[in-house]
Structures are given as structure tokens and as C-alpha cells.
Amino acid sequence: MPHPDVSGEWSIFQSGGLELHLKVIDDGGTLSGSARYEAEADESTDEAFVDFVTGLTGYVSVHSMEAHGTVNEAFFEFDIAWNNGARGRYTGAFQEDGTLAGTAIDLENIGAAKATWGTNRVFMLPVAEPAPEPMAPILLPIDLHPGIKQAPRGDLTRATDDGIKEAPRGDLM
């Protein structure tokens, strides 16, 4: 069964308020692309951060160095290596409404708590192909046994030495 096409630009909304912006290329179930998010700057540094997307100071834009994964009719997995050294894995499943939802883990700290995530984009779920229409029976003329004749109204008759006898409707003689 084909899988939903997850290509394009869309967002993951992660627990804790983080919104990831993804650009995904779906090549037959093999995924590649990029991701980014904006996060508050680390106050322990003296560096002044300016988010060039929003123009706000105090935020830093984090982007992917590599992003790849897989998708099939039921399952989604996308690994992202971030430019800040973190690596995350987003696994999930298609929901009845066509959105995706799942969990995220930090691949650098496997024992760490998991985050939940979801999308608000509705992916087109594959529709099962309808069964082919049954073919109408093909009625072909048949050669009857030499002793059996087709009566005009469709009943079968049998030629005997006494003459032609009509069989009851639907029966053979």
C-alpha cells in the first residue's frame, strides 16, 4: 500500500512549546531535508544573539546539519543532527485525521525524557484501491448433445423414438 506523501514545508509542535519547521523531500519513502527552530539564547554566554527570521534579540536560530528518515503507510521516523551538537529522533504514526503524532528522543542522551509531538498538517492518507468490478458472465452458444434440442421458449427437449418429448421447465430429459 502506498504511504502518505510527507514532502513539503510543515511544522512539528513539540511538548514544551518548541516548534520545528521542516522542509522534507519524500523519495519513495526515503526522507531527506532540513529543519530549524528558534530557541532562547543561553544567558550564561556573553554573546548577543539576533534571530534573523524574527529580528528579536535573545533568541537563537538552530538549524539542521543533516536530516533524514523513512516513512511508510503507518510509521514515520526522522533523525535530525542540529548545528548546536544535539541529535534528535522523531518517530510517530499517522492519526485517523491524517496528522502525525509521536515521540522525540535525544540521541546523545538516550536515557533522557521523551518529548511528545504532533503536526497540524493533514497528510493525504492512501485510499484503498476499490476491488475491480466483477465481470458479467459471458453467454456463449453451446453445442448440445445430439439427442438434446433447445425448444423455442428455452426449455430443453429430447428426441426419442416416440418423437420429441418436452422436459419440465429447467430439467433435462
N, C-alpha and C. Protein backbone atom coordinates (compact mmCIF):
# COMPACT_ATOMS: atom_id res chain seq x y z
N MET A 1 0.86 -1.18 0.00
CA MET A 1 0.00 0.00 0.00
C MET A 1 0.90 1.23 0.00
N PRO A 2 0.58 2.24 -0.79
CA PRO A 2 1.39 3.46 -0.80
C PRO A 2 1.27 4.23 0.51
N HIS A 3 2.27 5.04 0.78
CA HIS A 3 2.27 5.83 2.01
C HIS A 3 1.85 7.28 1.72
N PRO A 4 1.43 8.00 2.74
CA PRO A 4 1.11 9.42 2.55
C PRO A 4 2.36 10.18 2.13
N ASP A 5 2.20 11.16 1.27
CA ASP A 5 3.32 11.98 0.82
C ASP A 5 3.59 13.05 1.88
N VAL A 6 4.77 13.01 2.49
CA VAL A 6 5.11 13.97 3.54
C VAL A 6 6.03 15.08 3.02
N SER A 7 6.17 15.18 1.70
CA SER A 7 7.01 16.22 1.10
C SER A 7 6.45 17.61 1.40
N GLY A 8 7.35 18.58 1.45
CA GLY A 8 6.94 19.96 1.59
C GLY A 8 7.42 20.59 2.87
N GLU A 9 6.90 21.77 3.14
CA GLU A 9 7.24 22.52 4.34
C GLU A 9 6.10 22.40 5.34
N TRP A 10 6.43 21.98 6.55
CA TRP A 10 5.42 21.83 7.60
C TRP A 10 6.11 21.88 8.96
N SER A 11 5.32 21.93 10.01
CA SER A 11 5.86 22.10 11.37
C SER A 11 5.52 20.94 12.27
N ILE A 12 6.43 20.69 13.20
CA ILE A 12 6.21 19.77 14.32
C ILE A 12 6.08 20.63 15.57
N PHE A 13 5.03 20.39 16.34
CA PHE A 13 4.82 21.10 17.60
C PHE A 13 5.17 20.14 18.72
N GLN A 14 6.27 20.44 19.40
CA GLN A 14 6.81 19.55 20.43
C GLN A 14 6.36 20.02 21.80
N SER A 15 6.16 19.05 22.72
CA SER A 15 5.79 19.41 24.09
C SER A 15 6.86 20.35 24.63
N GLY A 16 6.46 21.28 25.49
CA GLY A 16 7.38 22.29 25.99
C GLY A 16 7.34 23.56 25.15
N GLY A 17 6.55 23.53 24.07
CA GLY A 17 6.36 24.75 23.29
C GLY A 17 7.29 24.92 22.11
N LEU A 18 8.17 23.98 21.84
CA LEU A 18 9.10 24.10 20.72
C LEU A 18 8.39 23.82 19.40
N GLU A 19 8.59 24.67 18.40
CA GLU A 19 8.03 24.46 17.07
C GLU A 19 9.17 24.29 16.09
N LEU A 20 9.23 23.13 15.45
CA LEU A 20 10.25 22.84 14.44
C LEU A 20 9.65 23.08 13.07
N HIS A 21 10.41 23.73 12.22
CA HIS A 21 10.00 23.99 10.84
C HIS A 21 10.79 23.04 9.95
N LEU A 22 10.08 22.17 9.24
CA LEU A 22 10.73 21.17 8.40
C LEU A 22 10.51 21.45 6.92
N LYS A 23 11.51 21.09 6.12
CA LYS A 23 11.40 21.00 4.67
C LYS A 23 11.78 19.57 4.35
N VAL A 24 10.81 18.80 3.85
CA VAL A 24 11.01 17.37 3.67
C VAL A 24 10.88 17.00 2.19
N ILE A 25 11.79 16.14 1.74
CA ILE A 25 11.72 15.55 0.41
C ILE A 25 11.44 14.06 0.63
N ASP A 26 10.37 13.58 0.03
CA ASP A 26 9.96 12.17 0.15
C ASP A 26 10.23 11.49 -1.18
N ASP A 27 11.24 10.64 -1.21
CA ASP A 27 11.61 9.92 -2.42
C ASP A 27 11.25 8.45 -2.25
N GLY A 28 9.97 8.13 -2.44
CA GLY A 28 9.52 6.75 -2.34
C GLY A 28 9.62 6.17 -0.95
N GLY A 29 9.49 6.99 0.08
CA GLY A 29 9.56 6.52 1.46
C GLY A 29 10.89 6.82 2.14
N THR A 30 11.90 7.22 1.36
CA THR A 30 13.18 7.64 1.93
C THR A 30 13.14 9.16 2.04
N LEU A 31 13.35 9.66 3.26
CA LEU A 31 13.20 11.09 3.52
C LEU A 31 14.55 11.78 3.67
N SER A 32 14.61 13.01 3.20
CA SER A 32 15.74 13.90 3.44
C SER A 32 15.17 15.29 3.59
N GLY A 33 16.01 16.23 4.00
CA GLY A 33 15.51 17.59 4.11
C GLY A 33 16.29 18.41 5.10
N SER A 34 15.61 19.38 5.67
CA SER A 34 16.23 20.27 6.63
C SER A 34 15.20 20.65 7.69
N ALA A 35 15.73 21.20 8.78
CA ALA A 35 14.86 21.62 9.89
C ALA A 35 15.48 22.82 10.58
N ARG A 36 14.64 23.60 11.25
CA ARG A 36 15.14 24.72 12.04
C ARG A 36 14.14 25.02 13.15
N TYR A 37 14.63 25.69 14.18
CA TYR A 37 13.76 26.20 15.23
C TYR A 37 14.44 27.39 15.89
N GLU A 38 13.65 28.19 16.56
CA GLU A 38 14.17 29.32 17.31
C GLU A 38 14.10 28.97 18.79
N ALA A 39 15.17 29.28 19.50
CA ALA A 39 15.21 28.99 20.94
C ALA A 39 15.79 30.19 21.67
N GLU A 40 15.47 30.26 22.95
CA GLU A 40 16.05 31.34 23.75
C GLU A 40 17.55 31.14 23.85
N ALA A 41 18.28 32.25 23.79
CA ALA A 41 19.73 32.19 23.89
C ALA A 41 20.13 31.80 25.31
N ASP A 42 21.27 31.20 25.43
CA ASP A 42 21.81 30.82 26.73
C ASP A 42 22.30 32.08 27.43
N GLU A 43 21.67 32.43 28.55
CA GLU A 43 22.02 33.66 29.26
C GLU A 43 23.40 33.59 29.89
N SER A 44 24.00 32.41 29.97
CA SER A 44 25.31 32.30 30.59
C SER A 44 26.43 32.75 29.66
N THR A 45 26.10 32.97 28.40
CA THR A 45 27.13 33.44 27.47
C THR A 45 27.05 34.95 27.34
N ASP A 46 28.15 35.54 26.93
CA ASP A 46 28.18 36.99 26.71
C ASP A 46 27.79 37.35 25.29
N GLU A 47 27.52 36.33 24.49
CA GLU A 47 27.21 36.59 23.09
C GLU A 47 25.80 37.16 22.95
N ALA A 48 25.67 38.14 22.09
CA ALA A 48 24.35 38.70 21.79
C ALA A 48 23.83 37.98 20.57
N PHE A 49 22.66 37.36 20.69
CA PHE A 49 22.08 36.64 19.57
C PHE A 49 20.97 37.47 18.95
N VAL A 50 20.93 37.44 17.65
CA VAL A 50 19.84 38.08 16.91
C VAL A 50 19.25 37.01 16.00
N ASP A 51 17.96 36.81 16.14
CA ASP A 51 17.28 35.85 15.27
C ASP A 51 16.96 36.58 13.97
N PHE A 52 17.58 36.16 12.89
CA PHE A 52 17.41 36.85 11.62
C PHE A 52 16.05 36.60 10.99
N VAL A 53 15.31 35.62 11.48
CA VAL A 53 13.97 35.37 10.97
C VAL A 53 13.00 36.37 11.59
N THR A 54 13.05 36.50 12.92
CA THR A 54 12.10 37.38 13.61
C THR A 54 12.69 38.74 13.93
N GLY A 55 14.02 38.86 13.92
CA GLY A 55 14.66 40.11 14.27
C GLY A 55 14.75 40.34 15.77
N LEU A 56 14.29 39.37 16.58
CA LEU A 56 14.32 39.52 18.02
C LEU A 56 15.69 39.16 18.58
N THR A 57 16.11 39.91 19.58
CA THR A 57 17.34 39.55 20.26
C THR A 57 16.99 38.60 21.40
N GLY A 58 17.97 37.87 21.87
CA GLY A 58 17.73 36.93 22.95
C GLY A 58 17.29 35.57 22.44
N TYR A 59 17.15 35.41 21.16
CA TYR A 59 16.80 34.13 20.56
C TYR A 59 17.90 33.71 19.59
N VAL A 60 18.04 32.44 19.47
CA VAL A 60 19.00 31.90 18.52
C VAL A 60 18.26 30.96 17.58
N SER A 61 18.64 30.99 16.32
CA SER A 61 18.04 30.08 15.35
C SER A 61 18.95 28.87 15.24
N VAL A 62 18.37 27.70 15.46
CA VAL A 62 19.11 26.45 15.38
C VAL A 62 18.65 25.76 14.09
N HIS A 63 19.60 25.25 13.34
CA HIS A 63 19.23 24.59 12.09
C HIS A 63 19.92 23.22 12.00
N SER A 64 19.38 22.42 11.11
CA SER A 64 19.91 21.07 10.95
C SER A 64 21.18 21.08 10.12
N MET A 65 22.07 20.18 10.47
CA MET A 65 23.25 19.92 9.66
C MET A 65 22.95 18.76 8.71
N GLU A 66 22.09 17.86 9.18
CA GLU A 66 21.67 16.69 8.40
C GLU A 66 20.29 16.28 8.90
N ALA A 67 19.44 15.85 7.99
CA ALA A 67 18.10 15.36 8.37
C ALA A 67 17.69 14.29 7.37
N HIS A 68 17.32 13.12 7.90
CA HIS A 68 16.93 12.02 7.03
C HIS A 68 16.02 11.06 7.80
N GLY A 69 15.31 10.22 7.06
CA GLY A 69 14.43 9.27 7.72
C GLY A 69 13.68 8.40 6.73
N THR A 70 12.61 7.79 7.22
CA THR A 70 11.77 6.91 6.41
C THR A 70 10.30 7.12 6.77
N VAL A 71 9.46 6.73 5.83
CA VAL A 71 8.02 6.76 6.06
C VAL A 71 7.40 5.59 5.30
N ASN A 72 6.36 5.01 5.90
CA ASN A 72 5.55 4.02 5.18
C ASN A 72 4.09 4.33 5.48
N GLU A 73 3.19 3.41 5.17
CA GLU A 73 1.76 3.71 5.32
C GLU A 73 1.33 3.92 6.77
N ALA A 74 2.15 3.50 7.74
CA ALA A 74 1.76 3.62 9.14
C ALA A 74 2.77 4.34 10.01
N PHE A 75 4.04 4.43 9.61
CA PHE A 75 5.12 4.83 10.50
C PHE A 75 5.96 5.95 9.88
N PHE A 76 6.41 6.87 10.73
CA PHE A 76 7.27 7.98 10.32
C PHE A 76 8.46 8.03 11.26
N GLU A 77 9.67 8.19 10.72
CA GLU A 77 10.87 8.37 11.54
C GLU A 77 11.77 9.38 10.85
N PHE A 78 12.24 10.38 11.61
CA PHE A 78 13.08 11.43 11.04
C PHE A 78 14.15 11.78 12.06
N ASP A 79 15.41 11.61 11.67
CA ASP A 79 16.56 11.94 12.53
C ASP A 79 17.12 13.29 12.10
N ILE A 80 17.41 14.13 13.09
CA ILE A 80 17.93 15.47 12.81
C ILE A 80 19.20 15.68 13.62
N ALA A 81 20.29 16.04 12.93
CA ALA A 81 21.54 16.45 13.59
C ALA A 81 21.57 17.98 13.55
N TRP A 82 21.53 18.61 14.74
CA TRP A 82 21.44 20.07 14.84
C TRP A 82 22.83 20.71 14.88
N ASN A 83 22.90 21.97 14.47
CA ASN A 83 24.19 22.68 14.46
C ASN A 83 24.68 23.02 15.87
N ASN A 84 23.88 22.77 16.89
CA ASN A 84 24.32 23.01 18.28
C ASN A 84 24.86 21.72 18.91
N GLY A 85 25.00 20.65 18.12
CA GLY A 85 25.55 19.39 18.62
C GLY A 85 24.50 18.37 19.03
N ALA A 86 23.26 18.77 19.18
CA ALA A 86 22.20 17.83 19.58
C ALA A 86 21.79 16.99 18.37
N ARG A 87 21.27 15.80 18.65
CA ARG A 87 20.70 14.92 17.61
C ARG A 87 19.40 14.37 18.15
N GLY A 88 18.34 14.51 17.37
CA GLY A 88 17.03 14.03 17.80
C GLY A 88 16.43 13.06 16.81
N ARG A 89 15.62 12.18 17.34
CA ARG A 89 14.87 11.23 16.51
C ARG A 89 13.39 11.44 16.78
N TYR A 90 12.64 11.69 15.72
CA TYR A 90 11.20 11.89 15.79
C TYR A 90 10.52 10.68 15.17
N THR A 91 9.84 9.89 15.98
CA THR A 91 9.10 8.73 15.49
C THR A 91 7.62 8.95 15.75
N GLY A 92 6.81 8.51 14.83
CA GLY A 92 5.38 8.71 15.02
C GLY A 92 4.56 7.89 14.05
N ALA A 93 3.27 8.12 14.11
CA ALA A 93 2.32 7.38 13.28
C ALA A 93 1.25 8.35 12.78
N PHE A 94 0.65 7.98 11.67
CA PHE A 94 -0.44 8.77 11.12
C PHE A 94 -1.70 8.53 11.94
N GLN A 95 -2.36 9.61 12.29
CA GLN A 95 -3.58 9.54 13.07
C GLN A 95 -4.78 9.42 12.14
N GLU A 96 -5.94 9.10 12.70
CA GLU A 96 -7.15 8.94 11.89
C GLU A 96 -7.50 10.19 11.10
N ASP A 97 -7.15 11.37 11.65
CA ASP A 97 -7.47 12.62 10.96
C ASP A 97 -6.42 13.01 9.93
N GLY A 98 -5.38 12.18 9.72
CA GLY A 98 -4.36 12.45 8.72
C GLY A 98 -3.14 13.19 9.24
N THR A 99 -3.16 13.63 10.49
CA THR A 99 -1.98 14.29 11.07
C THR A 99 -0.99 13.23 11.55
N LEU A 100 0.19 13.68 11.92
CA LEU A 100 1.21 12.80 12.51
C LEU A 100 1.35 13.15 13.98
N ALA A 101 1.65 12.15 14.81
CA ALA A 101 1.92 12.37 16.23
C ALA A 101 2.88 11.30 16.69
N GLY A 102 3.71 11.64 17.69
CA GLY A 102 4.66 10.64 18.18
C GLY A 102 5.51 11.15 19.32
N THR A 103 6.71 10.57 19.43
CA THR A 103 7.65 10.93 20.49
C THR A 103 8.99 11.31 19.88
N ALA A 104 9.72 12.10 20.60
CA ALA A 104 11.07 12.52 20.20
C ALA A 104 12.03 12.13 21.31
N ILE A 105 13.22 11.66 20.90
CA ILE A 105 14.26 11.35 21.87
C ILE A 105 15.54 12.07 21.48
N ASP A 106 16.36 12.33 22.47
CA ASP A 106 17.68 12.91 22.27
C ASP A 106 18.66 11.76 22.06
N LEU A 107 19.20 11.64 20.87
CA LEU A 107 20.10 10.53 20.55
C LEU A 107 21.45 10.64 21.25
N GLU A 108 21.76 11.81 21.77
CA GLU A 108 23.01 11.99 22.53
C GLU A 108 22.82 11.62 23.99
N ASN A 109 21.58 11.49 24.43
CA ASN A 109 21.26 11.19 25.83
C ASN A 109 20.04 10.26 25.83
N ILE A 110 20.27 9.01 25.44
CA ILE A 110 19.17 8.05 25.23
C ILE A 110 18.28 7.90 26.47
N GLY A 111 18.82 7.98 27.65
CA GLY A 111 18.02 7.80 28.86
C GLY A 111 17.21 9.01 29.24
N ALA A 112 17.37 10.10 28.53
CA ALA A 112 16.65 11.34 28.87
C ALA A 112 15.15 11.16 28.60
N ALA A 113 14.39 12.06 29.17
CA ALA A 113 12.94 12.02 29.00
C ALA A 113 12.58 12.21 27.52
N LYS A 114 11.48 11.62 27.15
CA LYS A 114 10.99 11.76 25.79
C LYS A 114 10.04 12.95 25.73
N ALA A 115 9.99 13.56 24.57
CA ALA A 115 9.02 14.63 24.33
C ALA A 115 7.95 14.09 23.39
N THR A 116 6.76 14.61 23.50
CA THR A 116 5.71 14.25 22.56
C THR A 116 5.61 15.34 21.50
N TRP A 117 5.08 14.99 20.35
CA TRP A 117 4.95 15.98 19.28
C TRP A 117 3.76 15.62 18.39
N GLY A 118 3.35 16.60 17.62
CA GLY A 118 2.28 16.41 16.66
C GLY A 118 2.37 17.44 15.56
N THR A 119 1.59 17.26 14.53
CA THR A 119 1.53 18.22 13.43
C THR A 119 0.10 18.73 13.31
N ASN A 120 -0.03 19.87 12.65
CA ASN A 120 -1.39 20.30 12.32
C ASN A 120 -1.63 20.16 10.82
N ARG A 121 -0.62 19.73 10.10
CA ARG A 121 -0.80 19.45 8.67
C ARG A 121 -1.51 18.11 8.53
N VAL A 122 -2.47 18.07 7.63
CA VAL A 122 -3.17 16.83 7.34
C VAL A 122 -2.53 16.23 6.09
N PHE A 123 -2.01 15.04 6.25
CA PHE A 123 -1.38 14.33 5.13
C PHE A 123 -2.44 13.48 4.46
N MET A 124 -2.37 13.40 3.16
CA MET A 124 -3.35 12.62 2.41
C MET A 124 -3.06 11.14 2.62
N LEU A 125 -3.95 10.49 3.35
CA LEU A 125 -3.78 9.06 3.60
C LEU A 125 -4.16 8.30 2.34
N PRO A 126 -3.44 7.22 2.04
CA PRO A 126 -3.77 6.46 0.83
C PRO A 126 -5.16 5.84 0.94
N VAL A 127 -5.84 5.84 -0.15
CA VAL A 127 -7.18 5.24 -0.20
C VAL A 127 -7.02 3.86 -0.82
N ALA A 128 -7.62 2.90 -0.18
CA ALA A 128 -7.54 1.53 -0.70
C ALA A 128 -8.16 1.50 -2.09
N GLU A 129 -7.48 0.85 -2.99
CA GLU A 129 -7.98 0.72 -4.35
C GLU A 129 -9.26 -0.11 -4.32
N PRO A 130 -10.30 0.34 -4.98
CA PRO A 130 -11.53 -0.46 -4.98
C PRO A 130 -11.30 -1.77 -5.72
N ALA A 131 -12.01 -2.77 -5.27
CA ALA A 131 -11.92 -4.07 -5.93
C ALA A 131 -12.47 -3.91 -7.34
N PRO A 132 -11.88 -4.61 -8.29
CA PRO A 132 -12.40 -4.48 -9.65
C PRO A 132 -13.84 -4.98 -9.72
N GLU A 133 -14.61 -4.35 -10.60
CA GLU A 133 -15.99 -4.77 -10.80
C GLU A 133 -16.00 -6.20 -11.30
N PRO A 134 -16.89 -7.04 -10.76
CA PRO A 134 -16.94 -8.41 -11.29
C PRO A 134 -17.43 -8.36 -12.74
N MET A 135 -16.85 -9.20 -13.53
CA MET A 135 -17.26 -9.26 -14.94
C MET A 135 -18.61 -9.95 -15.06
N ALA A 136 -19.41 -9.43 -15.96
CA ALA A 136 -20.69 -10.08 -16.24
C ALA A 136 -20.41 -11.42 -16.91
N PRO A 137 -21.22 -12.41 -16.62
CA PRO A 137 -20.98 -13.70 -17.28
C PRO A 137 -21.09 -13.55 -18.79
N ILE A 138 -20.26 -14.25 -19.47
CA ILE A 138 -20.29 -14.24 -20.93
C ILE A 138 -21.08 -15.48 -21.37
N LEU A 139 -22.17 -15.24 -22.07
CA LEU A 139 -23.01 -16.34 -22.51
C LEU A 139 -22.61 -16.72 -23.92
N LEU A 140 -22.14 -17.91 -24.05
CA LEU A 140 -21.73 -18.42 -25.35
C LEU A 140 -22.68 -19.51 -25.78
N PRO A 141 -22.93 -19.62 -27.10
CA PRO A 141 -23.77 -20.74 -27.55
C PRO A 141 -23.03 -22.05 -27.29
N ILE A 142 -23.78 -23.04 -26.91
CA ILE A 142 -23.15 -24.33 -26.65
C ILE A 142 -23.73 -25.35 -27.60
N ASP A 143 -22.92 -26.29 -27.94
CA ASP A 143 -23.40 -27.41 -28.75
C ASP A 143 -24.01 -28.42 -27.80
N LEU A 144 -25.31 -28.66 -27.96
CA LEU A 144 -25.98 -29.62 -27.12
C LEU A 144 -25.68 -31.03 -27.61
N HIS A 145 -25.88 -31.96 -26.74
CA HIS A 145 -25.73 -33.37 -27.11
C HIS A 145 -26.65 -33.63 -28.31
N PRO A 146 -26.24 -34.47 -29.25
CA PRO A 146 -27.06 -34.68 -30.45
C PRO A 146 -28.50 -35.05 -30.13
N GLY A 147 -28.77 -35.67 -29.01
CA GLY A 147 -30.14 -36.07 -28.69
C GLY A 147 -30.91 -34.99 -27.96
N ILE A 148 -30.31 -33.82 -27.69
CA ILE A 148 -30.99 -32.76 -26.93
C ILE A 148 -31.14 -31.56 -27.85
N LYS A 149 -32.34 -30.98 -27.86
CA LYS A 149 -32.60 -29.81 -28.68
C LYS A 149 -33.09 -28.67 -27.78
N GLN A 150 -32.82 -27.47 -28.19
CA GLN A 150 -33.30 -26.29 -27.47
C GLN A 150 -34.69 -25.96 -27.99
N ALA A 151 -35.69 -25.96 -27.12
CA ALA A 151 -37.05 -25.60 -27.51
C ALA A 151 -37.12 -24.09 -27.69
N PRO A 152 -38.07 -23.59 -28.46
CA PRO A 152 -38.17 -22.16 -28.73
C PRO A 152 -38.25 -21.31 -27.47
N ARG A 153 -38.91 -21.74 -26.43
CA ARG A 153 -39.02 -20.90 -25.24
C ARG A 153 -37.88 -21.14 -24.26
N GLY A 154 -36.90 -21.90 -24.63
CA GLY A 154 -35.73 -22.09 -23.81
C GLY A 154 -35.70 -23.37 -23.03
N ASP A 155 -36.80 -24.16 -23.06
CA ASP A 155 -36.78 -25.44 -22.37
C ASP A 155 -36.02 -26.45 -23.20
N LEU A 156 -35.50 -27.43 -22.55
CA LEU A 156 -34.78 -28.47 -23.26
C LEU A 156 -35.73 -29.62 -23.59
N THR A 157 -35.54 -30.18 -24.75
CA THR A 157 -36.35 -31.32 -25.17
C THR A 157 -35.42 -32.45 -25.58
N ARG A 158 -35.98 -33.64 -25.61
CA ARG A 158 -35.18 -34.80 -26.00
C ARG A 158 -35.91 -35.50 -27.15
N ALA A 159 -35.11 -35.79 -28.13
CA ALA A 159 -35.68 -36.55 -29.24
C ALA A 159 -35.62 -38.02 -28.88
N THR A 160 -36.73 -38.70 -28.99
CA THR A 160 -36.78 -40.14 -28.71
C THR A 160 -37.38 -40.84 -29.92
N ASP A 161 -37.43 -42.17 -29.85
CA ASP A 161 -38.04 -42.93 -30.94
C ASP A 161 -39.52 -42.59 -31.06
N ASP A 162 -40.17 -42.19 -29.95
CA ASP A 162 -41.60 -41.88 -29.96
C ASP A 162 -41.85 -40.46 -30.48
N GLY A 163 -40.83 -39.69 -30.67
CA GLY A 163 -41.00 -38.29 -31.06
C GLY A 163 -40.27 -37.40 -30.06
N ILE A 164 -40.57 -36.11 -30.08
CA ILE A 164 -39.91 -35.16 -29.19
C ILE A 164 -40.73 -35.02 -27.93
N LYS A 165 -40.08 -35.17 -26.81
CA LYS A 165 -40.75 -35.00 -25.53
C LYS A 165 -40.22 -33.74 -24.88
N GLU A 166 -41.13 -32.97 -24.28
CA GLU A 166 -40.72 -31.74 -23.60
C GLU A 166 -40.42 -32.05 -22.15
N ALA A 167 -39.30 -31.56 -21.70
CA ALA A 167 -38.93 -31.73 -20.30
C ALA A 167 -39.61 -30.64 -19.48
N PRO A 168 -39.91 -30.94 -18.21
CA PRO A 168 -40.42 -29.87 -17.34
C PRO A 168 -39.41 -28.72 -17.34
N ARG A 169 -39.91 -27.53 -17.13
CA ARG A 169 -39.08 -26.32 -17.20
C ARG A 169 -37.82 -26.47 -16.33
N GLY A 170 -36.65 -26.28 -16.92
CA GLY A 170 -35.38 -26.33 -16.19
C GLY A 170 -34.80 -27.70 -16.04
N ASP A 171 -35.51 -28.75 -16.42
CA ASP A 171 -34.98 -30.10 -16.28
C ASP A 171 -34.55 -30.63 -17.62
N LEU A 172 -33.69 -31.59 -17.56
CA LEU A 172 -33.27 -32.29 -18.78
C LEU A 172 -33.97 -33.64 -18.80
N MET A 173 -34.24 -34.11 -19.97
CA MET A 173 -34.85 -35.44 -20.12
C MET A 173 -33.79 -36.43 -20.48
